[in-house]
Amino acid sequence: MDPKRTLRNMANTMKLAKKSDKDDYMQHLRLVLLGIATVGAIGFIIQFVFSVITFG
């Protein structure tokens, strides 16, 4: 691995990268929050079901 080539590749990548606009950012944020909420809800349901089965 050539460090100069790696740095040059990094610089080229940064030049080509563009900042996403607010709409794209908000859409990604909604999707991430929806995913976190879904995983949390599944975990809560599993915990609730097992607590009912154990003490039922």
PDB file of N, CA and C in Angstrom:
ATOM      1  N   MET A   1       0.846  -1.192   0.000  1.00  0.00           N
ATOM      2  CA  MET A   1       0.000   0.000   0.000  1.00  0.00           C
ATOM      3  C   MET A   1       0.887   1.249   0.000  1.00  0.00           C
ATOM      4  N   ASP A   2       0.602   2.099  -0.929  1.00  0.00           N
ATOM      5  CA  ASP A   2       1.349   3.340  -1.068  1.00  0.00           C
ATOM      6  C   ASP A   2       0.581   4.448  -0.345  1.00  0.00           C
ATOM      7  N   PRO A   3       1.160   5.053   0.705  1.00  0.00           N
ATOM      8  CA  PRO A   3       0.441   6.084   1.458  1.00  0.00           C
ATOM      9  C   PRO A   3       0.060   7.291   0.605  1.00  0.00           C
ATOM     10  N   LYS A   4       0.926   7.676  -0.324  1.00  0.00           N
ATOM     11  CA  LYS A   4       0.601   8.833  -1.168  1.00  0.00           C
ATOM     12  C   LYS A   4      -0.598   8.537  -2.055  1.00  0.00           C
ATOM     13  N   ARG A   5      -0.617   7.334  -2.601  1.00  0.00           N
ATOM     14  CA  ARG A   5      -1.741   6.957  -3.463  1.00  0.00           C
ATOM     15  C   ARG A   5      -3.041   6.890  -2.651  1.00  0.00           C
ATOM     16  N   THR A   6      -2.954   6.358  -1.445  1.00  0.00           N
ATOM     17  CA  THR A   6      -4.127   6.275  -0.588  1.00  0.00           C
ATOM     18  C   THR A   6      -4.665   7.666  -0.270  1.00  0.00           C
ATOM     19  N   LEU A   7      -3.765   8.589   0.073  1.00  0.00           N
ATOM     20  CA  LEU A   7      -4.201   9.962   0.364  1.00  0.00           C
ATOM     21  C   LEU A   7      -4.790  10.624  -0.877  1.00  0.00           C
ATOM     22  N   ARG A   8      -4.216  10.356  -2.034  1.00  0.00           N
ATOM     23  CA  ARG A   8      -4.733  10.924  -3.275  1.00  0.00           C
ATOM     24  C   ARG A   8      -6.140  10.383  -3.568  1.00  0.00           C
ATOM     25  N   ASN A   9      -6.332   9.088  -3.339  1.00  0.00           N
ATOM     26  CA  ASN A   9      -7.655   8.491  -3.518  1.00  0.00           C
ATOM     27  C   ASN A   9      -8.667   9.088  -2.554  1.00  0.00           C
ATOM     28  N   MET A  10      -8.249   9.313  -1.318  1.00  0.00           N
ATOM     29  CA  MET A  10      -9.141   9.939  -0.333  1.00  0.00           C
ATOM     30  C   MET A  10      -9.527  11.344  -0.765  1.00  0.00           C
ATOM     31  N   ALA A  11      -8.561  12.104  -1.238  1.00  0.00           N
ATOM     32  CA  ALA A  11      -8.825  13.467  -1.686  1.00  0.00           C
ATOM     33  C   ALA A  11      -9.774  13.467  -2.881  1.00  0.00           C
ATOM     34  N   ASN A  12      -9.583  12.558  -3.818  1.00  0.00           N
ATOM     35  CA  ASN A  12     -10.481  12.473  -4.973  1.00  0.00           C
ATOM     36  C   ASN A  12     -11.897  12.098  -4.554  1.00  0.00           C
ATOM     37  N   THR A  13     -12.012  11.207  -3.589  1.00  0.00           N
ATOM     38  CA  THR A  13     -13.329  10.826  -3.088  1.00  0.00           C
ATOM     39  C   THR A  13     -14.026  12.023  -2.450  1.00  0.00           C
ATOM     40  N   MET A  14     -13.302  12.806  -1.675  1.00  0.00           N
ATOM     41  CA  MET A  14     -13.894  13.981  -1.040  1.00  0.00           C
ATOM     42  C   MET A  14     -14.313  15.028  -2.075  1.00  0.00           C
ATOM     43  N   LYS A  15     -13.567  15.132  -3.161  1.00  0.00           N
ATOM     44  CA  LYS A  15     -13.931  16.078  -4.213  1.00  0.00           C
ATOM     45  C   LYS A  15     -15.222  15.657  -4.911  1.00  0.00           C
ATOM     46  N   LEU A  16     -15.404  14.357  -5.088  1.00  0.00           N
ATOM     47  CA  LEU A  16     -16.588  13.861  -5.788  1.00  0.00           C
ATOM     48  C   LEU A  16     -17.822  13.803  -4.894  1.00  0.00           C
ATOM     49  N   ALA A  17     -17.616  13.718  -3.598  1.00  0.00           N
ATOM     50  CA  ALA A  17     -18.745  13.602  -2.679  1.00  0.00           C
ATOM     51  C   ALA A  17     -19.522  14.908  -2.637  1.00  0.00           C
ATOM     52  N   LYS A  18     -20.846  14.772  -2.501  1.00  0.00           N
ATOM     53  CA  LYS A  18     -21.674  15.979  -2.393  1.00  0.00           C
ATOM     54  C   LYS A  18     -22.505  15.895  -1.121  1.00  0.00           C
ATOM     55  N   LYS A  19     -22.814  17.030  -0.600  1.00  0.00           N
ATOM     56  CA  LYS A  19     -23.615  17.090   0.606  1.00  0.00           C
ATOM     57  C   LYS A  19     -25.071  16.842   0.239  1.00  0.00           C
ATOM     58  N   SER A  20     -25.738  15.962   0.998  1.00  0.00           N
ATOM     59  CA  SER A  20     -27.132  15.675   0.696  1.00  0.00           C
ATOM     60  C   SER A  20     -28.007  16.846   1.129  1.00  0.00           C
ATOM     61  N   ASP A  21     -29.110  17.028   0.420  1.00  0.00           N
ATOM     62  CA  ASP A  21     -29.992  18.137   0.764  1.00  0.00           C
ATOM     63  C   ASP A  21     -30.868  17.748   1.959  1.00  0.00           C
ATOM     64  N   LYS A  22     -31.636  18.706   2.424  1.00  0.00           N
ATOM     65  CA  LYS A  22     -32.411  18.520   3.646  1.00  0.00           C
ATOM     66  C   LYS A  22     -33.458  17.420   3.488  1.00  0.00           C
ATOM     67  N   ASP A  23     -34.072  17.313   2.305  1.00  0.00           N
ATOM     68  CA  ASP A  23     -35.096  16.296   2.105  1.00  0.00           C
ATOM     69  C   ASP A  23     -34.508  14.885   2.208  1.00  0.00           C
ATOM     70  N   ASP A  24     -33.355  14.669   1.592  1.00  0.00           N
ATOM     71  CA  ASP A  24     -32.705  13.363   1.688  1.00  0.00           C
ATOM     72  C   ASP A  24     -32.323  13.058   3.132  1.00  0.00           C
ATOM     73  N   TYR A  25     -31.800  14.054   3.823  1.00  0.00           N
ATOM     74  CA  TYR A  25     -31.398  13.861   5.216  1.00  0.00           C
ATOM     75  C   TYR A  25     -32.607  13.495   6.081  1.00  0.00           C
ATOM     76  N   MET A  26     -33.718  14.200   5.889  1.00  0.00           N
ATOM     77  CA  MET A  26     -34.903  13.920   6.697  1.00  0.00           C
ATOM     78  C   MET A  26     -35.470  12.533   6.384  1.00  0.00           C
ATOM     79  N   GLN A  27     -35.417  12.118   5.118  1.00  0.00           N
ATOM     80  CA  GLN A  27     -35.904  10.797   4.756  1.00  0.00           C
ATOM     81  C   GLN A  27     -35.047   9.709   5.410  1.00  0.00           C
ATOM     82  N   HIS A  28     -33.737   9.873   5.366  1.00  0.00           N
ATOM     83  CA  HIS A  28     -32.859   8.897   6.013  1.00  0.00           C
ATOM     84  C   HIS A  28     -33.070   8.887   7.521  1.00  0.00           C
ATOM     85  N   LEU A  29     -33.249  10.058   8.105  1.00  0.00           N
ATOM     86  CA  LEU A  29     -33.486  10.138   9.543  1.00  0.00           C
ATOM     87  C   LEU A  29     -34.774   9.410   9.923  1.00  0.00           C
ATOM     88  N   ARG A  30     -35.837   9.619   9.144  1.00  0.00           N
ATOM     89  CA  ARG A  30     -37.097   8.921   9.415  1.00  0.00           C
ATOM     90  C   ARG A  30     -36.932   7.416   9.318  1.00  0.00           C
ATOM     91  N   LEU A  31     -36.227   6.958   8.297  1.00  0.00           N
ATOM     92  CA  LEU A  31     -36.031   5.517   8.136  1.00  0.00           C
ATOM     93  C   LEU A  31     -35.220   4.919   9.280  1.00  0.00           C
ATOM     94  N   VAL A  32     -34.189   5.615   9.718  1.00  0.00           N
ATOM     95  CA  VAL A  32     -33.369   5.121  10.826  1.00  0.00           C
ATOM     96  C   VAL A  32     -34.190   5.084  12.119  1.00  0.00           C
ATOM     97  N   LEU A  33     -34.946   6.138  12.378  1.00  0.00           N
ATOM     98  CA  LEU A  33     -35.767   6.165  13.591  1.00  0.00           C
ATOM     99  C   LEU A  33     -36.856   5.102  13.548  1.00  0.00           C
ATOM    100  N   LEU A  34     -37.425   4.871  12.367  1.00  0.00           N
ATOM    101  CA  LEU A  34     -38.429   3.817  12.225  1.00  0.00           C
ATOM    102  C   LEU A  34     -37.808   2.446  12.499  1.00  0.00           C
ATOM    103  N   GLY A  35     -36.601   2.226  12.013  1.00  0.00           N
ATOM    104  CA  GLY A  35     -35.916   0.964  12.269  1.00  0.00           C
ATOM    105  C   GLY A  35     -35.616   0.766  13.742  1.00  0.00           C
ATOM    106  N   ILE A  36     -35.152   1.818  14.406  1.00  0.00           N
ATOM    107  CA  ILE A  36     -34.864   1.730  15.844  1.00  0.00           C
ATOM    108  C   ILE A  36     -36.138   1.457  16.629  1.00  0.00           C
ATOM    109  N   ALA A  37     -37.226   2.140  16.272  1.00  0.00           N
ATOM    110  CA  ALA A  37     -38.502   1.929  16.954  1.00  0.00           C
ATOM    111  C   ALA A  37     -39.020   0.508  16.722  1.00  0.00           C
ATOM    112  N   THR A  38     -38.859  -0.011  15.519  1.00  0.00           N
ATOM    113  CA  THR A  38     -39.311  -1.372  15.218  1.00  0.00           C
ATOM    114  C   THR A  38     -38.541  -2.404  16.031  1.00  0.00           C
ATOM    115  N   VAL A  39     -37.237  -2.259  16.080  1.00  0.00           N
ATOM    116  CA  VAL A  39     -36.425  -3.199  16.869  1.00  0.00           C
ATOM    117  C   VAL A  39     -36.795  -3.094  18.349  1.00  0.00           C
ATOM    118  N   GLY A  40     -37.005  -1.894  18.842  1.00  0.00           N
ATOM    119  CA  GLY A  40     -37.402  -1.720  20.233  1.00  0.00           C
ATOM    120  C   GLY A  40     -38.762  -2.333  20.524  1.00  0.00           C
ATOM    121  N   ALA A  41     -39.708  -2.163  19.601  1.00  0.00           N
ATOM    122  CA  ALA A  41     -41.040  -2.735  19.792  1.00  0.00           C
ATOM    123  C   ALA A  41     -40.990  -4.256  19.791  1.00  0.00           C
ATOM    124  N   ILE A  42     -40.210  -4.825  18.898  1.00  0.00           N
ATOM    125  CA  ILE A  42     -40.067  -6.293  18.871  1.00  0.00           C
ATOM    126  C   ILE A  42     -39.460  -6.788  20.177  1.00  0.00           C
ATOM    127  N   GLY A  43     -38.445  -6.105  20.661  1.00  0.00           N
ATOM    128  CA  GLY A  43     -37.843  -6.485  21.935  1.00  0.00           C
ATOM    129  C   GLY A  43     -38.819  -6.373  23.094  1.00  0.00           C
ATOM    130  N   PHE A  44     -39.622  -5.309  23.089  1.00  0.00           N
ATOM    131  CA  PHE A  44     -40.616  -5.136  24.157  1.00  0.00           C
ATOM    132  C   PHE A  44     -41.660  -6.240  24.116  1.00  0.00           C
ATOM    133  N   ILE A  45     -42.124  -6.582  22.913  1.00  0.00           N
ATOM    134  CA  ILE A  45     -43.138  -7.633  22.781  1.00  0.00           C
ATOM    135  C   ILE A  45     -42.587  -8.975  23.256  1.00  0.00           C
ATOM    136  N   ILE A  46     -41.363  -9.292  22.874  1.00  0.00           N
ATOM    137  CA  ILE A  46     -40.754 -10.554  23.311  1.00  0.00           C
ATOM    138  C   ILE A  46     -40.618 -10.582  24.829  1.00  0.00           C
ATOM    139  N   GLN A  47     -40.154  -9.491  25.414  1.00  0.00           N
ATOM    140  CA  GLN A  47     -40.007  -9.437  26.870  1.00  0.00           C
ATOM    141  C   GLN A  47     -41.362  -9.558  27.554  1.00  0.00           C
ATOM    142  N   PHE A  48     -42.379  -8.904  27.021  1.00  0.00           N
ATOM    143  CA  PHE A  48     -43.719  -8.953  27.609  1.00  0.00           C
ATOM    144  C   PHE A  48     -44.302 -10.366  27.534  1.00  0.00           C
ATOM    145  N   VAL A  49     -44.157 -11.000  26.383  1.00  0.00           N
ATOM    146  CA  VAL A  49     -44.690 -12.353  26.214  1.00  0.00           C
ATOM    147  C   VAL A  49     -44.017 -13.318  27.182  1.00  0.00           C
ATOM    148  N   PHE A  50     -42.705 -13.250  27.312  1.00  0.00           N
ATOM    149  CA  PHE A  50     -42.026 -14.159  28.212  1.00  0.00           C
ATOM    150  C   PHE A  50     -42.331 -13.855  29.673  1.00  0.00           C
ATOM    151  N   SER A  51     -42.569 -12.599  30.012  1.00  0.00           N
ATOM    152  CA  SER A  51     -42.942 -12.295  31.403  1.00  0.00           C
ATOM    153  C   SER A  51     -44.337 -12.815  31.712  1.00  0.00           C
ATOM    154  N   VAL A  52     -45.248 -12.786  30.745  1.00  0.00           N
ATOM    155  CA  VAL A  52     -46.590 -13.320  30.952  1.00  0.00           C
ATOM    156  C   VAL A  52     -46.546 -14.849  31.054  1.00  0.00           C
ATOM    157  N   ILE A  53     -45.734 -15.473  30.213  1.00  0.00           N
ATOM    158  CA  ILE A  53     -45.627 -16.932  30.245  1.00  0.00           C
ATOM    159  C   ILE A  53     -45.005 -17.383  31.557  1.00  0.00           C
ATOM    160  N   THR A  54     -43.989 -16.673  32.042  1.00  0.00           N
ATOM    161  CA  THR A  54     -43.286 -17.071  33.264  1.00  0.00           C
ATOM    162  C   THR A  54     -44.178 -16.916  34.494  1.00  0.00           C
ATOM    163  N   PHE A  55     -44.895 -15.790  34.603  1.00  0.00           N
ATOM    164  CA  PHE A  55     -45.695 -15.519  35.796  1.00  0.00           C
ATOM    165  C   PHE A  55     -47.166 -15.846  35.591  1.00  0.00           C
ATOM    166  N   GLY A  56     -47.546 -16.300  34.401  1.00  0.00           N
ATOM    167  CA  GLY A  56     -48.952 -16.550  34.055  1.00  0.00           C
ATOM    168  C   GLY A  56     -49.487 -17.715  34.792  1.00  0.00           C
TER     169      GLY A  56
END
